Amino acid sequence: MRTTLSLDEDVAAMLDRLRKSREESFKELVNEALRRGLRQMASRPRRREPFRTRTVSLGRCKLGSIDSVSDVLAATEDESFK
């Protein structure tokens, strides 16, 4: 089948680099890329396990209350502020 295909510049550049490194014809390379891409697009995506973050105990809060930002900053900078 013959058809006209307009390629984006980045796709054409990638195909040209591959064609030179593999020493294949442009037609063979485009057909292989389309077959692989279409096969992947048609297949069901693999199910991924959800990412889990492990919890770590940091102990009790040594500041008492963290309701006041200025008190927390003063405590972390070891200032006697109040």
C-alpha atoms as a PDB file:
ATOM      1  CA  MET A   1       0.000   0.000   0.000  1.00  0.00           C
ATOM      2  CA  ARG A   2       1.297   3.427  -0.880  1.00  0.00           C
ATOM      3  CA  THR A   3       0.386   6.441   1.183  1.00  0.00           C
ATOM      4  CA  THR A   4       1.729   9.881   1.985  1.00  0.00           C
ATOM      5  CA  LEU A   5       2.792  10.405   5.564  1.00  0.00           C
ATOM      6  CA  SER A   6       3.722  13.722   7.188  1.00  0.00           C
ATOM      7  CA  LEU A   7       6.230  13.296  10.006  1.00  0.00           C
ATOM      8  CA  ASP A   8       7.124  15.743  12.735  1.00  0.00           C
ATOM      9  CA  GLU A   9      10.715  16.956  12.543  1.00  0.00           C
ATOM     10  CA  ASP A  10      11.812  15.156  15.712  1.00  0.00           C
ATOM     11  CA  VAL A  11      10.332  11.845  14.510  1.00  0.00           C
ATOM     12  CA  ALA A  12      11.985  12.207  11.102  1.00  0.00           C
ATOM     13  CA  ALA A  13      15.338  12.937  12.760  1.00  0.00           C
ATOM     14  CA  MET A  14      15.046   9.859  15.002  1.00  0.00           C
ATOM     15  CA  LEU A  15      14.143   7.681  12.022  1.00  0.00           C
ATOM     16  CA  ASP A  16      17.060   9.065  10.025  1.00  0.00           C
ATOM     17  CA  ARG A  17      19.541   8.367  12.854  1.00  0.00           C
ATOM     18  CA  LEU A  18      18.216   4.816  13.238  1.00  0.00           C
ATOM     19  CA  ARG A  19      18.296   4.241   9.489  1.00  0.00           C
ATOM     20  CA  LYS A  20      21.953   5.221   9.350  1.00  0.00           C
ATOM     21  CA  SER A  21      22.971   3.137  12.377  1.00  0.00           C
ATOM     22  CA  ARG A  22      21.044   0.026  11.281  1.00  0.00           C
ATOM     23  CA  GLU A  23      21.668   0.401   7.555  1.00  0.00           C
ATOM     24  CA  GLU A  24      18.019  -0.396   6.791  1.00  0.00           C
ATOM     25  CA  SER A  25      15.744   1.228   4.273  1.00  0.00           C
ATOM     26  CA  PHE A  26      13.413   3.979   5.424  1.00  0.00           C
ATOM     27  CA  LYS A  27      10.400   1.844   4.497  1.00  0.00           C
ATOM     28  CA  GLU A  28      11.578  -1.128   6.597  1.00  0.00           C
ATOM     29  CA  LEU A  29      12.304   1.080   9.577  1.00  0.00           C
ATOM     30  CA  VAL A  30       8.948   2.896   9.466  1.00  0.00           C
ATOM     31  CA  ASN A  31       7.059  -0.393   9.127  1.00  0.00           C
ATOM     32  CA  GLU A  32       8.930  -1.928  12.081  1.00  0.00           C
ATOM     33  CA  ALA A  33       8.327   1.156  14.237  1.00  0.00           C
ATOM     34  CA  LEU A  34       4.629   1.182  13.359  1.00  0.00           C
ATOM     35  CA  ARG A  35       4.246  -2.557  14.046  1.00  0.00           C
ATOM     36  CA  ARG A  36       5.912  -2.274  17.448  1.00  0.00           C
ATOM     37  CA  GLY A  37       3.999   0.860  18.389  1.00  0.00           C
ATOM     38  CA  LEU A  38       0.631  -0.468  17.238  1.00  0.00           C
ATOM     39  CA  ARG A  39       1.204  -3.781  19.033  1.00  0.00           C
ATOM     40  CA  GLN A  40       1.982  -1.905  22.231  1.00  0.00           C
ATOM     41  CA  MET A  41      -0.998   0.421  21.820  1.00  0.00           C
ATOM     42  CA  ALA A  42      -3.347  -2.526  21.236  1.00  0.00           C
ATOM     43  CA  SER A  43      -2.166  -4.544  24.228  1.00  0.00           C
ATOM     44  CA  ARG A  44      -3.584  -4.096  27.691  1.00  0.00           C
ATOM     45  CA  PRO A  45      -1.384  -2.047  29.990  1.00  0.00           C
ATOM     46  CA  ARG A  46       0.410  -4.042  32.664  1.00  0.00           C
ATOM     47  CA  ARG A  47      -1.096  -3.689  36.078  1.00  0.00           C
ATOM     48  CA  ARG A  48       1.204  -1.850  38.437  1.00  0.00           C
ATOM     49  CA  GLU A  49       1.367  -2.366  42.134  1.00  0.00           C
ATOM     50  CA  PRO A  50       0.538   0.817  44.030  1.00  0.00           C
ATOM     51  CA  PHE A  51       3.523   2.612  45.487  1.00  0.00           C
ATOM     52  CA  ARG A  52       3.720   2.239  49.246  1.00  0.00           C
ATOM     53  CA  THR A  53       5.717   4.419  51.587  1.00  0.00           C
ATOM     54  CA  ARG A  54       6.930   2.738  54.740  1.00  0.00           C
ATOM     55  CA  THR A  55       6.151   4.522  57.967  1.00  0.00           C
ATOM     56  CA  VAL A  56       8.825   5.333  60.497  1.00  0.00           C
ATOM     57  CA  SER A  57       8.315   6.259  64.116  1.00  0.00           C
ATOM     58  CA  LEU A  58      10.025   9.545  64.895  1.00  0.00           C
ATOM     59  CA  GLY A  59       9.117   9.502  68.564  1.00  0.00           C
ATOM     60  CA  ARG A  60       7.092  12.084  70.370  1.00  0.00           C
ATOM     61  CA  CYS A  61       7.169  15.757  69.430  1.00  0.00           C
ATOM     62  CA  LYS A  62       9.831  17.478  71.523  1.00  0.00           C
ATOM     63  CA  LEU A  63       8.377  20.938  70.971  1.00  0.00           C
ATOM     64  CA  GLY A  64       5.121  20.347  72.803  1.00  0.00           C
ATOM     65  CA  SER A  65       2.829  22.337  70.552  1.00  0.00           C
ATOM     66  CA  ILE A  66       3.525  23.274  66.962  1.00  0.00           C
ATOM     67  CA  ASP A  67       0.557  25.650  66.672  1.00  0.00           C
ATOM     68  CA  SER A  68       2.716  28.771  66.715  1.00  0.00           C
ATOM     69  CA  VAL A  69       5.144  29.039  63.828  1.00  0.00           C
ATOM     70  CA  SER A  70       7.284  31.614  65.564  1.00  0.00           C
ATOM     71  CA  ASP A  71       7.647  29.384  68.657  1.00  0.00           C
ATOM     72  CA  VAL A  72       8.655  26.393  66.506  1.00  0.00           C
ATOM     73  CA  LEU A  73      11.215  28.451  64.563  1.00  0.00           C
ATOM     74  CA  ALA A  74      12.641  29.858  67.774  1.00  0.00           C
ATOM     75  CA  ALA A  75      12.925  26.382  69.294  1.00  0.00           C
ATOM     76  CA  THR A  76      14.611  24.911  66.226  1.00  0.00           C
ATOM     77  CA  GLU A  77      17.066  27.787  66.070  1.00  0.00           C
ATOM     78  CA  ASP A  78      17.736  27.405  69.797  1.00  0.00           C
ATOM     79  CA  GLU A  79      16.567  30.895  70.697  1.00  0.00           C
ATOM     80  CA  SER A  80      14.852  31.855  73.868  1.00  0.00           C
ATOM     81  CA  PHE A  81      11.915  33.621  72.326  1.00  0.00           C
ATOM     82  CA  LYS A  82       8.671  34.665  74.021  1.00  0.00           C
END
